[in-house]
Amino acid sequence: MFERIARFIDKEELDQAGNGGPDGDTPLEVEGDTLEERVIAALRTVYDPEIPVNLYDLGLIYKIVIHEASGKVDIDMTLTAPACPVAGSMPGMVANAVRRLEEVNEVNVELVWDPPWTMDRMSDEARLELGML
């Protein structure tokens, strides 16, 4: 299904999103009153290169635990399928995006497969972008 609506994101777009440029050290400035809101905003800068929707709205982020005192963020995420071609790089893209927030010192991203991802996890924004609403 996604092949019909896929839009490839070029390297420049990826650099501006979760990778943060060539070195990944460029601070990420996002809006949000709380650290949780800023973490979610950072996650919304990371896109699957084959789907024009960010990972958060796609429903791939299952859990976010923020330890504000230490600046540590733990994230559980999944992929649309275990054989996803970006399986090896996507957790790193997620970690890089969140790590670029000034308040964050450490990010741990765990790839989980339970429960399996389904399209029911997508936000209304994602459904609209993919023409499903």
Protein backbone atom coordinates (compact mmCIF):
# COMPACT_ATOMS: atom_id res chain seq x y z
CA MET A 1 0.00 0.00 0.00
CA PHE A 2 2.68 2.52 0.97
CA GLU A 3 4.53 2.07 -2.31
CA ARG A 4 1.74 3.86 -4.13
CA ILE A 5 1.98 6.97 -1.98
CA ALA A 6 5.65 6.96 -1.12
CA ARG A 7 7.69 10.09 -1.52
CA PHE A 8 11.43 9.72 -1.18
CA ILE A 9 13.07 12.12 1.21
CA ASP A 10 16.44 13.34 -0.02
CA LYS A 11 19.63 13.55 2.05
CA GLU A 12 19.18 17.26 2.76
CA GLU A 13 15.74 16.65 4.26
CA LEU A 14 17.14 13.82 6.40
CA ASP A 15 19.97 16.07 7.58
CA GLN A 16 17.46 18.70 8.64
CA ALA A 17 15.39 16.07 10.41
CA GLY A 18 16.67 13.38 12.72
CA ASN A 19 20.30 13.38 11.64
CA GLY A 20 21.13 16.98 12.48
CA GLY A 21 23.58 17.59 9.68
CA PRO A 22 26.84 15.88 8.89
CA ASP A 23 27.91 15.53 12.52
CA GLY A 24 24.48 15.30 14.18
CA ASP A 25 25.49 17.92 16.76
CA THR A 26 23.41 20.84 15.58
CA PRO A 27 21.04 21.81 18.43
CA LEU A 28 17.42 21.20 17.59
CA GLU A 29 15.07 24.04 18.42
CA VAL A 30 11.46 22.92 18.73
CA GLU A 31 8.43 24.35 20.45
CA GLY A 32 6.92 22.91 23.59
CA ASP A 33 6.29 23.94 27.18
CA THR A 34 7.52 20.69 28.68
CA LEU A 35 10.44 18.42 27.91
CA GLU A 36 7.96 15.72 26.88
CA GLU A 37 6.38 18.07 24.32
CA ARG A 38 9.84 18.96 22.97
CA VAL A 39 10.83 15.28 22.75
CA ILE A 40 7.64 14.56 20.78
CA ALA A 41 8.34 17.56 18.54
CA ALA A 42 11.87 16.20 17.94
CA LEU A 43 10.45 12.78 17.11
CA ARG A 44 8.16 14.44 14.59
CA THR A 45 11.25 15.55 12.64
CA VAL A 46 12.16 11.93 11.83
CA TYR A 47 10.61 10.44 8.70
CA ASP A 48 10.70 7.01 7.17
CA PRO A 49 12.46 7.68 3.84
CA GLU A 50 9.69 5.83 1.96
CA ILE A 51 6.60 7.25 3.70
CA PRO A 52 5.79 11.00 3.88
CA VAL A 53 4.78 10.80 7.56
CA ASN A 54 6.89 11.25 10.66
CA LEU A 55 7.52 8.26 12.91
CA TYR A 56 5.54 9.64 15.84
CA ASP A 57 2.34 10.19 13.85
CA LEU A 58 2.89 6.91 12.05
CA GLY A 59 2.49 5.28 15.47
CA LEU A 60 5.95 3.74 15.60
CA ILE A 61 6.84 5.28 18.97
CA TYR A 62 5.37 3.06 21.69
CA LYS A 63 6.77 4.53 24.89
CA ILE A 64 8.73 7.58 26.03
CA VAL A 65 10.19 7.73 29.53
CA ILE A 66 11.88 10.99 30.49
CA HIS A 67 14.22 11.27 33.47
CA GLU A 68 14.35 15.06 33.71
CA ALA A 69 16.87 15.19 36.56
CA SER A 70 19.51 13.32 34.55
CA GLY A 71 18.43 14.38 31.07
CA LYS A 72 17.99 10.75 30.03
CA VAL A 73 15.24 9.67 27.62
CA ASP A 74 14.23 6.04 27.03
CA ILE A 75 12.19 5.29 23.91
CA ASP A 76 10.52 2.06 22.81
CA MET A 77 9.74 2.01 19.12
CA THR A 78 8.83 -0.43 16.40
CA LEU A 79 8.87 -0.54 12.63
CA THR A 80 6.09 -1.26 10.15
CA ALA A 81 7.68 -4.68 9.50
CA PRO A 82 10.69 -6.61 10.84
CA ALA A 83 12.20 -6.70 7.34
CA CYS A 84 11.99 -2.91 6.99
CA PRO A 85 14.97 -1.76 4.90
CA VAL A 86 15.84 1.03 7.37
CA ALA A 87 15.64 -1.20 10.47
CA GLY A 88 19.33 -0.75 11.15
CA SER A 89 19.35 3.04 10.89
CA MET A 90 15.94 4.17 12.17
CA PRO A 91 16.64 3.79 15.93
CA GLY A 92 19.81 5.84 15.46
CA MET A 93 17.89 8.55 13.62
CA VAL A 94 15.40 8.68 16.50
CA ALA A 95 18.18 8.88 19.10
CA ASN A 96 20.00 11.60 17.15
CA ALA A 97 16.90 13.76 16.87
CA VAL A 98 16.10 13.60 20.59
CA ARG A 99 19.76 13.92 21.65
CA ARG A 100 19.91 17.27 19.83
CA LEU A 101 17.62 18.82 22.46
CA GLU A 102 19.69 20.89 24.88
CA GLU A 103 18.11 19.32 27.99
CA VAL A 104 18.83 15.76 26.85
CA ASN A 105 22.14 14.12 27.79
CA GLU A 106 21.41 10.49 26.94
CA VAL A 107 18.94 8.65 24.70
CA ASN A 108 18.29 4.92 24.70
CA VAL A 109 16.12 3.58 21.88
CA GLU A 110 14.83 0.03 22.12
CA LEU A 111 13.37 -1.66 19.06
CA VAL A 112 10.37 -3.76 20.11
CA TRP A 113 8.03 -6.01 18.13
CA ASP A 114 5.26 -6.58 20.66
CA PRO A 115 2.62 -5.49 20.05
CA PRO A 116 3.04 -5.63 16.29
CA TRP A 117 2.47 -2.33 14.51
CA THR A 118 -0.86 -1.90 12.71
CA MET A 119 -2.33 1.02 10.79
CA ASP A 120 -4.69 1.59 13.73
CA ARG A 121 -1.76 3.21 15.57
CA MET A 122 -1.51 6.07 13.05
CA SER A 123 -2.70 9.53 14.03
CA ASP A 124 -5.46 11.29 12.09
CA GLU A 125 -2.78 13.60 10.68
CA ALA A 126 -0.91 10.58 9.29
CA ARG A 127 -4.09 9.12 7.84
CA LEU A 128 -4.89 12.44 6.17
CA GLU A 129 -1.36 12.72 4.72
CA LEU A 130 -1.63 9.20 3.33
CA GLY A 131 -5.09 9.82 1.87
CA MET A 132 -6.83 7.42 4.24
CA LEU A 133 -9.37 9.91 5.61
